[in-house]
N, C-alpha and C. Protein backbone atom coordinates (compact mmCIF):
# COMPACT_ATOMS: atom_id res chain seq x y z
N MET A 1 0.86 -1.17 0.00
CA MET A 1 -0.03 -0.08 0.04
C MET A 1 0.82 1.20 -0.03
N ALA A 2 1.95 1.16 0.76
CA ALA A 2 2.96 2.36 0.87
C ALA A 2 3.56 2.57 -0.51
N GLN A 3 3.85 1.55 -1.15
CA GLN A 3 4.46 1.66 -2.52
C GLN A 3 3.55 2.32 -3.46
N ARG A 4 2.17 1.91 -3.45
CA ARG A 4 1.22 2.52 -4.31
C ARG A 4 1.23 3.99 -4.06
N LEU A 5 0.96 4.37 -2.81
CA LEU A 5 0.91 5.70 -2.52
C LEU A 5 2.14 6.54 -2.93
N ALA A 6 3.21 6.08 -2.82
CA ALA A 6 4.48 6.58 -3.18
C ALA A 6 4.58 6.84 -4.67
N LEU A 7 4.06 5.91 -5.33
CA LEU A 7 4.00 5.83 -6.86
C LEU A 7 2.99 6.93 -7.40
N ARG A 8 1.77 6.95 -6.68
CA ARG A 8 0.89 7.98 -7.09
C ARG A 8 1.41 9.44 -6.86
N ARG A 9 2.16 9.61 -5.75
CA ARG A 9 2.65 10.87 -5.56
C ARG A 9 3.56 11.25 -6.43
N LEU A 10 4.56 10.36 -6.98
CA LEU A 10 5.55 10.54 -7.91
C LEU A 10 4.91 10.89 -9.27
N LEU A 11 3.94 10.18 -9.65
CA LEU A 11 3.20 10.32 -10.92
C LEU A 11 2.39 11.60 -10.91
N SER A 12 2.08 12.08 -9.81
CA SER A 12 1.33 13.38 -9.84
C SER A 12 2.13 14.64 -10.05
N LEU A 13 3.48 14.39 -9.94
CA LEU A 13 4.33 15.55 -10.04
C LEU A 13 4.55 15.83 -11.41
N THR A 14 4.77 17.12 -11.82
CA THR A 14 4.98 17.59 -13.23
C THR A 14 6.47 17.43 -13.35
N PRO A 15 6.91 17.31 -14.61
CA PRO A 15 8.39 16.98 -14.84
C PRO A 15 9.22 18.25 -14.37
N ARG A 16 8.74 19.42 -14.21
CA ARG A 16 9.43 20.53 -13.70
C ARG A 16 9.78 20.35 -12.19
N THR A 17 8.83 19.56 -11.51
CA THR A 17 9.11 19.52 -10.04
C THR A 17 9.82 18.24 -9.65
N LEU A 18 10.15 17.40 -10.67
CA LEU A 18 10.95 16.29 -10.25
C LEU A 18 12.44 16.72 -9.92
N PRO A 19 13.04 16.22 -8.88
CA PRO A 19 14.48 16.60 -8.69
C PRO A 19 15.32 16.05 -9.79
N PRO A 20 16.42 16.74 -10.20
CA PRO A 20 17.28 16.37 -11.12
C PRO A 20 18.02 15.12 -10.67
N GLN A 21 18.04 14.03 -11.61
CA GLN A 21 18.72 12.75 -11.34
C GLN A 21 19.42 12.18 -12.47
N GLY A 22 20.51 11.43 -12.31
CA GLY A 22 21.13 10.78 -13.32
C GLY A 22 21.97 11.50 -14.27
N PRO A 23 22.63 10.94 -15.27
CA PRO A 23 23.48 11.68 -16.10
C PRO A 23 22.74 12.66 -17.04
N LEU A 24 21.51 12.59 -17.29
CA LEU A 24 20.81 13.47 -18.19
C LEU A 24 20.36 14.65 -17.45
N ALA A 25 20.29 14.87 -16.10
CA ALA A 25 19.74 15.95 -15.49
C ALA A 25 20.53 17.24 -15.78
N PRO A 26 21.85 17.25 -15.86
CA PRO A 26 22.50 18.51 -16.05
C PRO A 26 22.22 19.05 -17.54
N HIS A 27 21.68 18.21 -18.44
CA HIS A 27 21.51 18.73 -19.77
C HIS A 27 20.00 19.33 -19.94
N GLY A 28 19.33 19.21 -18.80
CA GLY A 28 18.00 19.87 -18.92
C GLY A 28 17.00 19.01 -19.39
N ARG A 29 17.09 17.88 -19.59
CA ARG A 29 15.95 16.77 -20.06
C ARG A 29 15.23 16.38 -18.98
N ALA A 30 13.93 16.19 -19.35
CA ALA A 30 13.10 15.59 -18.34
C ALA A 30 12.13 14.59 -19.01
N PHE A 31 11.63 13.71 -18.23
CA PHE A 31 10.63 12.65 -18.79
C PHE A 31 9.12 13.18 -18.33
N SER A 32 8.29 12.70 -19.08
CA SER A 32 6.85 12.93 -18.79
C SER A 32 6.16 11.67 -18.54
N THR A 33 5.36 11.66 -17.51
CA THR A 33 4.53 10.42 -17.16
C THR A 33 3.08 10.75 -17.53
N SER A 34 2.91 11.53 -18.54
CA SER A 34 1.56 11.85 -19.04
C SER A 34 0.74 10.54 -19.55
N ALA A 35 -0.49 10.57 -19.07
CA ALA A 35 -1.19 9.44 -19.38
C ALA A 35 -1.72 9.41 -20.77
N GLY A 36 -1.60 10.62 -21.53
CA GLY A 36 -2.07 10.67 -22.88
C GLY A 36 -1.29 9.88 -23.95
N CYS A 37 -0.07 9.41 -23.52
CA CYS A 37 0.61 8.64 -24.48
C CYS A 37 0.81 7.26 -24.11
N ARG A 38 0.14 6.84 -22.96
CA ARG A 38 0.08 5.43 -22.59
C ARG A 38 -1.10 4.71 -23.11
N SER A 39 -0.79 3.42 -23.48
CA SER A 39 -1.91 2.63 -23.94
C SER A 39 -2.39 1.63 -22.79
N THR A 40 -1.75 1.64 -21.68
CA THR A 40 -2.10 0.75 -20.55
C THR A 40 -2.32 1.52 -19.34
N PHE A 41 -3.28 1.31 -18.51
CA PHE A 41 -3.43 1.91 -17.34
C PHE A 41 -4.18 0.95 -16.26
N ASN A 42 -3.96 1.32 -15.00
CA ASN A 42 -4.59 0.64 -13.85
C ASN A 42 -5.85 1.25 -13.46
N VAL A 43 -6.87 0.54 -13.41
CA VAL A 43 -8.21 0.97 -12.93
C VAL A 43 -8.18 1.24 -11.48
N GLN A 44 -8.63 2.44 -11.02
CA GLN A 44 -8.62 2.92 -9.75
C GLN A 44 -9.88 2.57 -8.98
N ASP A 45 -11.01 2.66 -9.49
CA ASP A 45 -12.29 2.30 -8.77
C ASP A 45 -13.30 2.23 -9.93
N GLY A 46 -14.53 2.07 -9.39
CA GLY A 46 -15.58 1.72 -10.37
C GLY A 46 -15.92 2.87 -11.37
N SER A 47 -15.84 4.15 -10.80
CA SER A 47 -16.11 5.29 -11.66
C SER A 47 -15.00 5.45 -12.68
N ASP A 48 -13.79 5.18 -12.36
CA ASP A 48 -12.76 5.25 -13.26
C ASP A 48 -12.80 4.13 -14.23
N PHE A 49 -13.27 3.09 -14.00
CA PHE A 49 -13.70 1.89 -14.91
C PHE A 49 -14.77 2.37 -15.90
N GLN A 50 -15.69 3.06 -15.35
CA GLN A 50 -16.79 3.51 -16.21
C GLN A 50 -16.43 4.56 -17.16
N ASP A 51 -15.49 5.52 -16.72
CA ASP A 51 -15.05 6.59 -17.53
C ASP A 51 -14.02 6.17 -18.57
N ARG A 52 -13.08 5.32 -18.18
CA ARG A 52 -11.96 4.95 -19.08
C ARG A 52 -12.09 3.72 -19.97
N VAL A 53 -13.09 2.81 -19.48
CA VAL A 53 -13.31 1.68 -20.22
C VAL A 53 -14.70 1.56 -20.88
N VAL A 54 -15.66 1.67 -20.09
CA VAL A 54 -17.05 1.63 -20.60
C VAL A 54 -17.28 2.60 -21.62
N ASN A 55 -17.08 3.95 -21.19
CA ASN A 55 -17.39 5.12 -22.04
C ASN A 55 -16.28 5.44 -23.03
N ASN A 56 -15.33 4.67 -23.28
CA ASN A 56 -14.12 4.98 -24.10
C ASN A 56 -14.67 4.59 -25.59
N PRO A 57 -14.43 5.66 -26.51
CA PRO A 57 -14.74 5.37 -27.96
C PRO A 57 -13.75 4.30 -28.61
N LYS A 58 -12.58 4.14 -27.92
CA LYS A 58 -11.53 3.16 -28.57
C LYS A 58 -11.87 1.77 -27.90
N PRO A 59 -11.55 0.76 -28.66
CA PRO A 59 -11.63 -0.59 -28.10
C PRO A 59 -10.69 -0.75 -26.90
N VAL A 60 -11.16 -1.38 -25.76
CA VAL A 60 -10.27 -1.66 -24.60
C VAL A 60 -10.20 -3.21 -24.26
N VAL A 61 -9.01 -3.65 -23.96
CA VAL A 61 -8.75 -4.86 -23.41
C VAL A 61 -8.66 -4.80 -21.92
N VAL A 62 -9.45 -5.52 -21.22
CA VAL A 62 -9.40 -5.56 -19.73
C VAL A 62 -8.77 -6.78 -19.25
N ASP A 63 -7.72 -6.60 -18.52
CA ASP A 63 -7.11 -7.74 -17.81
C ASP A 63 -7.31 -7.78 -16.46
N PHE A 64 -8.15 -8.69 -15.95
CA PHE A 64 -8.50 -9.12 -14.62
C PHE A 64 -7.37 -9.94 -14.19
N HIS A 65 -6.61 -9.52 -13.19
CA HIS A 65 -5.38 -10.32 -12.66
C HIS A 65 -5.41 -10.15 -11.09
N ALA A 66 -4.38 -10.71 -10.45
CA ALA A 66 -4.08 -10.77 -9.10
C ALA A 66 -2.72 -10.86 -8.91
N GLN A 67 -2.12 -10.22 -7.86
CA GLN A 67 -0.70 -10.20 -7.67
C GLN A 67 -0.14 -11.57 -7.40
N TRP A 68 -1.00 -12.43 -6.81
CA TRP A 68 -0.51 -13.79 -6.30
C TRP A 68 -0.71 -14.76 -7.56
N CYS A 69 -1.13 -14.40 -8.66
CA CYS A 69 -1.48 -15.29 -9.80
C CYS A 69 -0.15 -15.43 -10.68
N GLY A 70 0.30 -16.64 -10.71
CA GLY A 70 1.54 -16.95 -11.61
C GLY A 70 1.39 -16.62 -13.06
N PRO A 71 0.25 -17.33 -13.61
CA PRO A 71 0.05 -17.03 -15.04
C PRO A 71 -0.17 -15.57 -15.37
N CYS A 72 -0.76 -14.87 -14.42
CA CYS A 72 -1.04 -13.42 -14.62
C CYS A 72 0.28 -12.59 -14.84
N LYS A 73 1.33 -12.99 -14.20
CA LYS A 73 2.62 -12.42 -14.09
C LYS A 73 3.30 -12.61 -15.56
N ILE A 74 2.87 -13.69 -16.20
CA ILE A 74 3.37 -14.01 -17.62
C ILE A 74 2.57 -13.38 -18.65
N LEU A 75 1.23 -13.41 -18.42
CA LEU A 75 0.34 -12.92 -19.61
C LEU A 75 0.36 -11.39 -19.58
N GLY A 76 0.37 -10.76 -18.39
CA GLY A 76 0.27 -9.30 -18.25
C GLY A 76 1.31 -8.53 -18.99
N PRO A 77 2.68 -8.85 -18.95
CA PRO A 77 3.62 -8.09 -19.75
C PRO A 77 3.49 -8.50 -21.23
N ARG A 78 3.19 -9.67 -21.51
CA ARG A 78 3.04 -10.13 -22.88
C ARG A 78 1.86 -9.37 -23.57
N LEU A 79 0.84 -9.23 -22.98
CA LEU A 79 -0.28 -8.53 -23.39
C LEU A 79 -0.09 -7.10 -23.67
N GLU A 80 0.53 -6.47 -22.62
CA GLU A 80 0.91 -5.09 -22.60
C GLU A 80 1.77 -4.75 -23.95
N LYS A 81 2.85 -5.66 -24.13
CA LYS A 81 3.70 -5.45 -25.22
C LYS A 81 2.89 -5.52 -26.61
N MET A 82 1.98 -6.42 -26.56
CA MET A 82 1.22 -6.59 -27.97
C MET A 82 0.22 -5.35 -28.13
N VAL A 83 -0.27 -4.79 -27.05
CA VAL A 83 -1.18 -3.64 -27.15
C VAL A 83 -0.19 -2.36 -27.44
N ALA A 84 0.89 -2.31 -26.99
CA ALA A 84 1.74 -1.20 -27.16
C ALA A 84 2.09 -1.12 -28.74
N LYS A 85 2.36 -2.31 -29.42
CA LYS A 85 2.62 -2.41 -30.75
C LYS A 85 1.51 -1.84 -31.68
N LEU A 86 0.31 -1.86 -31.14
CA LEU A 86 -0.82 -1.41 -31.95
C LEU A 86 -0.90 0.13 -31.88
N GLU A 87 0.02 0.80 -31.21
CA GLU A 87 0.09 2.30 -31.12
C GLU A 87 -1.14 3.05 -31.00
N GLY A 88 -2.03 2.73 -29.91
CA GLY A 88 -3.15 3.64 -29.64
C GLY A 88 -4.45 3.08 -30.28
N LYS A 89 -4.33 1.97 -31.12
CA LYS A 89 -5.60 1.53 -31.79
C LYS A 89 -6.43 0.80 -30.78
N VAL A 90 -5.95 0.38 -29.71
CA VAL A 90 -6.60 -0.45 -28.61
C VAL A 90 -5.97 0.06 -27.32
N LEU A 91 -6.70 0.19 -26.24
CA LEU A 91 -6.16 0.50 -24.94
C LEU A 91 -6.27 -0.82 -24.08
N MET A 92 -5.47 -0.83 -22.98
CA MET A 92 -5.41 -1.97 -22.06
C MET A 92 -5.60 -1.30 -20.58
N ALA A 93 -6.77 -1.94 -19.93
CA ALA A 93 -7.11 -1.61 -18.61
C ALA A 93 -6.74 -2.82 -17.69
N LYS A 94 -6.01 -2.63 -16.58
CA LYS A 94 -5.66 -3.56 -15.65
C LYS A 94 -6.52 -3.51 -14.45
N VAL A 95 -7.01 -4.57 -14.02
CA VAL A 95 -7.94 -4.59 -12.89
C VAL A 95 -7.49 -5.78 -11.95
N ASP A 96 -7.06 -5.20 -10.74
CA ASP A 96 -6.70 -6.30 -9.67
C ASP A 96 -7.96 -6.74 -9.05
N ILE A 97 -8.30 -8.11 -9.19
CA ILE A 97 -9.51 -8.56 -8.65
C ILE A 97 -9.53 -8.43 -7.04
N ASP A 98 -8.40 -8.43 -6.51
CA ASP A 98 -8.39 -8.27 -4.93
C ASP A 98 -8.82 -6.82 -4.49
N ASP A 99 -8.51 -5.92 -5.29
CA ASP A 99 -8.80 -4.55 -5.03
C ASP A 99 -10.18 -4.12 -5.52
N HIS A 100 -10.70 -4.67 -6.53
CA HIS A 100 -11.89 -4.54 -7.32
C HIS A 100 -12.71 -5.65 -7.48
N THR A 101 -13.20 -6.26 -6.28
CA THR A 101 -13.92 -7.62 -6.42
C THR A 101 -15.35 -7.17 -6.95
N ASP A 102 -15.89 -6.04 -6.83
CA ASP A 102 -17.06 -5.62 -7.40
C ASP A 102 -17.22 -5.77 -8.92
N LEU A 103 -16.04 -5.27 -9.48
CA LEU A 103 -15.92 -5.28 -11.02
C LEU A 103 -15.74 -6.75 -11.44
N ALA A 104 -14.99 -7.46 -10.61
CA ALA A 104 -14.85 -8.91 -11.02
C ALA A 104 -16.16 -9.68 -10.92
N ILE A 105 -16.92 -9.49 -9.99
CA ILE A 105 -18.38 -10.04 -9.80
C ILE A 105 -19.20 -9.55 -10.98
N GLU A 106 -19.24 -8.38 -11.19
CA GLU A 106 -20.02 -7.68 -12.23
C GLU A 106 -19.74 -8.41 -13.70
N TYR A 107 -18.53 -8.54 -13.89
CA TYR A 107 -18.03 -9.12 -15.23
C TYR A 107 -17.85 -10.61 -15.17
N GLU A 108 -18.41 -11.25 -14.19
CA GLU A 108 -18.31 -12.72 -14.02
C GLU A 108 -16.99 -13.38 -14.16
N VAL A 109 -16.08 -12.86 -13.39
CA VAL A 109 -14.73 -13.32 -13.50
C VAL A 109 -14.61 -14.40 -12.43
N SER A 110 -14.46 -15.65 -12.93
CA SER A 110 -14.30 -16.68 -11.84
C SER A 110 -12.94 -17.32 -11.74
N ALA A 111 -12.06 -16.96 -12.62
CA ALA A 111 -10.60 -17.31 -12.68
C ALA A 111 -9.86 -16.23 -13.25
N VAL A 112 -8.51 -16.23 -12.80
CA VAL A 112 -7.50 -15.20 -13.27
C VAL A 112 -6.39 -16.02 -13.95
N PRO A 113 -5.79 -15.34 -14.99
CA PRO A 113 -6.18 -14.24 -15.70
C PRO A 113 -7.45 -14.34 -16.59
N THR A 114 -8.34 -13.38 -16.48
CA THR A 114 -9.44 -13.30 -17.47
C THR A 114 -9.26 -11.97 -18.24
N VAL A 115 -9.33 -12.17 -19.52
CA VAL A 115 -9.21 -10.89 -20.32
C VAL A 115 -10.41 -10.72 -21.20
N LEU A 116 -10.96 -9.44 -21.08
CA LEU A 116 -12.22 -9.09 -21.80
C LEU A 116 -11.89 -8.19 -23.03
N ALA A 117 -12.51 -8.24 -24.07
CA ALA A 117 -12.34 -7.20 -25.14
C ALA A 117 -13.74 -6.52 -25.15
N MET A 118 -13.49 -5.19 -25.06
CA MET A 118 -14.68 -4.37 -24.92
C MET A 118 -14.83 -3.22 -25.99
N LYS A 119 -15.79 -3.08 -26.66
CA LYS A 119 -16.12 -2.05 -27.66
C LYS A 119 -17.41 -1.30 -27.28
N ASN A 120 -17.33 0.01 -27.32
CA ASN A 120 -18.64 0.71 -26.99
C ASN A 120 -19.25 0.37 -25.69
N GLY A 121 -18.48 -0.04 -24.71
CA GLY A 121 -19.10 -0.38 -23.50
C GLY A 121 -19.57 -1.89 -23.37
N ASP A 122 -19.53 -2.59 -24.41
CA ASP A 122 -20.03 -4.02 -24.45
C ASP A 122 -18.82 -5.07 -24.56
N VAL A 123 -19.06 -6.17 -23.85
CA VAL A 123 -17.94 -7.24 -23.90
C VAL A 123 -18.24 -7.95 -25.28
N VAL A 124 -17.26 -7.95 -26.20
CA VAL A 124 -17.27 -8.57 -27.47
C VAL A 124 -16.61 -9.87 -27.62
N ASP A 125 -15.62 -10.11 -26.66
CA ASP A 125 -14.91 -11.32 -26.70
C ASP A 125 -14.20 -11.46 -25.29
N LYS A 126 -13.76 -12.74 -25.00
CA LYS A 126 -13.27 -12.98 -23.68
C LYS A 126 -12.37 -14.37 -23.73
N PHE A 127 -11.32 -14.32 -22.93
CA PHE A 127 -10.64 -15.59 -22.76
C PHE A 127 -10.07 -15.68 -21.30
N VAL A 128 -9.90 -16.83 -20.85
CA VAL A 128 -9.44 -17.26 -19.50
C VAL A 128 -8.13 -17.91 -19.72
N GLY A 129 -7.17 -17.64 -18.91
CA GLY A 129 -5.83 -18.39 -18.97
C GLY A 129 -4.80 -17.73 -19.75
N ILE A 130 -3.71 -18.34 -19.84
CA ILE A 130 -2.58 -17.79 -20.66
C ILE A 130 -2.72 -18.10 -22.08
N LYS A 131 -2.12 -17.20 -22.94
CA LYS A 131 -2.19 -17.40 -24.38
C LYS A 131 -0.73 -17.00 -24.92
N ASP A 132 -0.35 -17.58 -26.13
CA ASP A 132 0.93 -17.09 -26.64
C ASP A 132 0.70 -15.92 -27.46
N GLU A 133 1.87 -15.39 -28.01
CA GLU A 133 1.85 -14.11 -28.71
C GLU A 133 0.88 -14.19 -29.99
N ASP A 134 0.92 -15.36 -30.67
CA ASP A 134 0.22 -15.52 -31.88
C ASP A 134 -1.39 -15.40 -31.57
N GLN A 135 -1.77 -16.08 -30.50
CA GLN A 135 -3.16 -16.21 -30.11
C GLN A 135 -3.50 -14.59 -29.68
N LEU A 136 -2.70 -14.03 -28.91
CA LEU A 136 -2.99 -12.66 -28.50
C LEU A 136 -3.13 -11.75 -29.63
N GLU A 137 -2.36 -11.85 -30.65
CA GLU A 137 -2.38 -11.08 -31.91
C GLU A 137 -3.61 -11.09 -32.55
N ALA A 138 -4.00 -12.43 -32.72
CA ALA A 138 -5.34 -12.74 -33.37
C ALA A 138 -6.51 -12.16 -32.58
N PHE A 139 -6.42 -12.31 -31.33
CA PHE A 139 -7.45 -11.56 -30.30
C PHE A 139 -7.62 -10.11 -30.61
N LEU A 140 -6.41 -9.39 -30.58
CA LEU A 140 -6.39 -8.11 -30.76
C LEU A 140 -6.86 -7.61 -32.11
N LYS A 141 -6.41 -8.33 -33.07
CA LYS A 141 -6.74 -8.02 -34.54
C LYS A 141 -8.32 -8.06 -34.63
N LYS A 142 -8.91 -9.15 -34.03
CA LYS A 142 -10.26 -9.35 -34.10
C LYS A 142 -11.03 -8.20 -33.61
N LEU A 143 -10.39 -7.70 -32.35
CA LEU A 143 -11.13 -6.63 -31.59
C LEU A 143 -11.10 -5.17 -32.50
N ILE A 144 -9.95 -4.96 -33.02
CA ILE A 144 -9.80 -3.71 -33.92
C ILE A 144 -10.29 -3.90 -35.25
N GLY A 145 -10.74 -5.13 -35.67
CA GLY A 145 -11.39 -5.36 -36.92
C GLY A 145 -10.13 -5.35 -38.08
N ALA A 146 -9.04 -5.66 -37.75
CA ALA A 146 -7.98 -5.69 -38.84
C ALA A 146 -7.86 -7.15 -39.47
């Protein structure tokens, strides 16, 4: 919990308020943690899910996972990499079922990892368990209509 709080505080800082660090600092370079350029995000609560997933005009892949789940630790990064390759054509929402039990119940998640494909607020596809990169690519192409 303390780690999440520290991360939230760090991410809320603007690049100007970050202390200079590392070899790039003297050259005046900064990084941005702007959510605008990210295709993957963690769901914070039910209203955040409603705003960023259900009401999103873009297709969204929802990864229901848990920190204690071994297959989730393999699938999560693999899926993130595949979504990032699509350069914003699809977004990825990560939902920790231990933190958001209500969402897991609402979307009938009975095992993790469970991945939903959502378009215009509706679940259009779903899989449970781990998939290889070829299967994930086919899943994502089907979602974006490619």
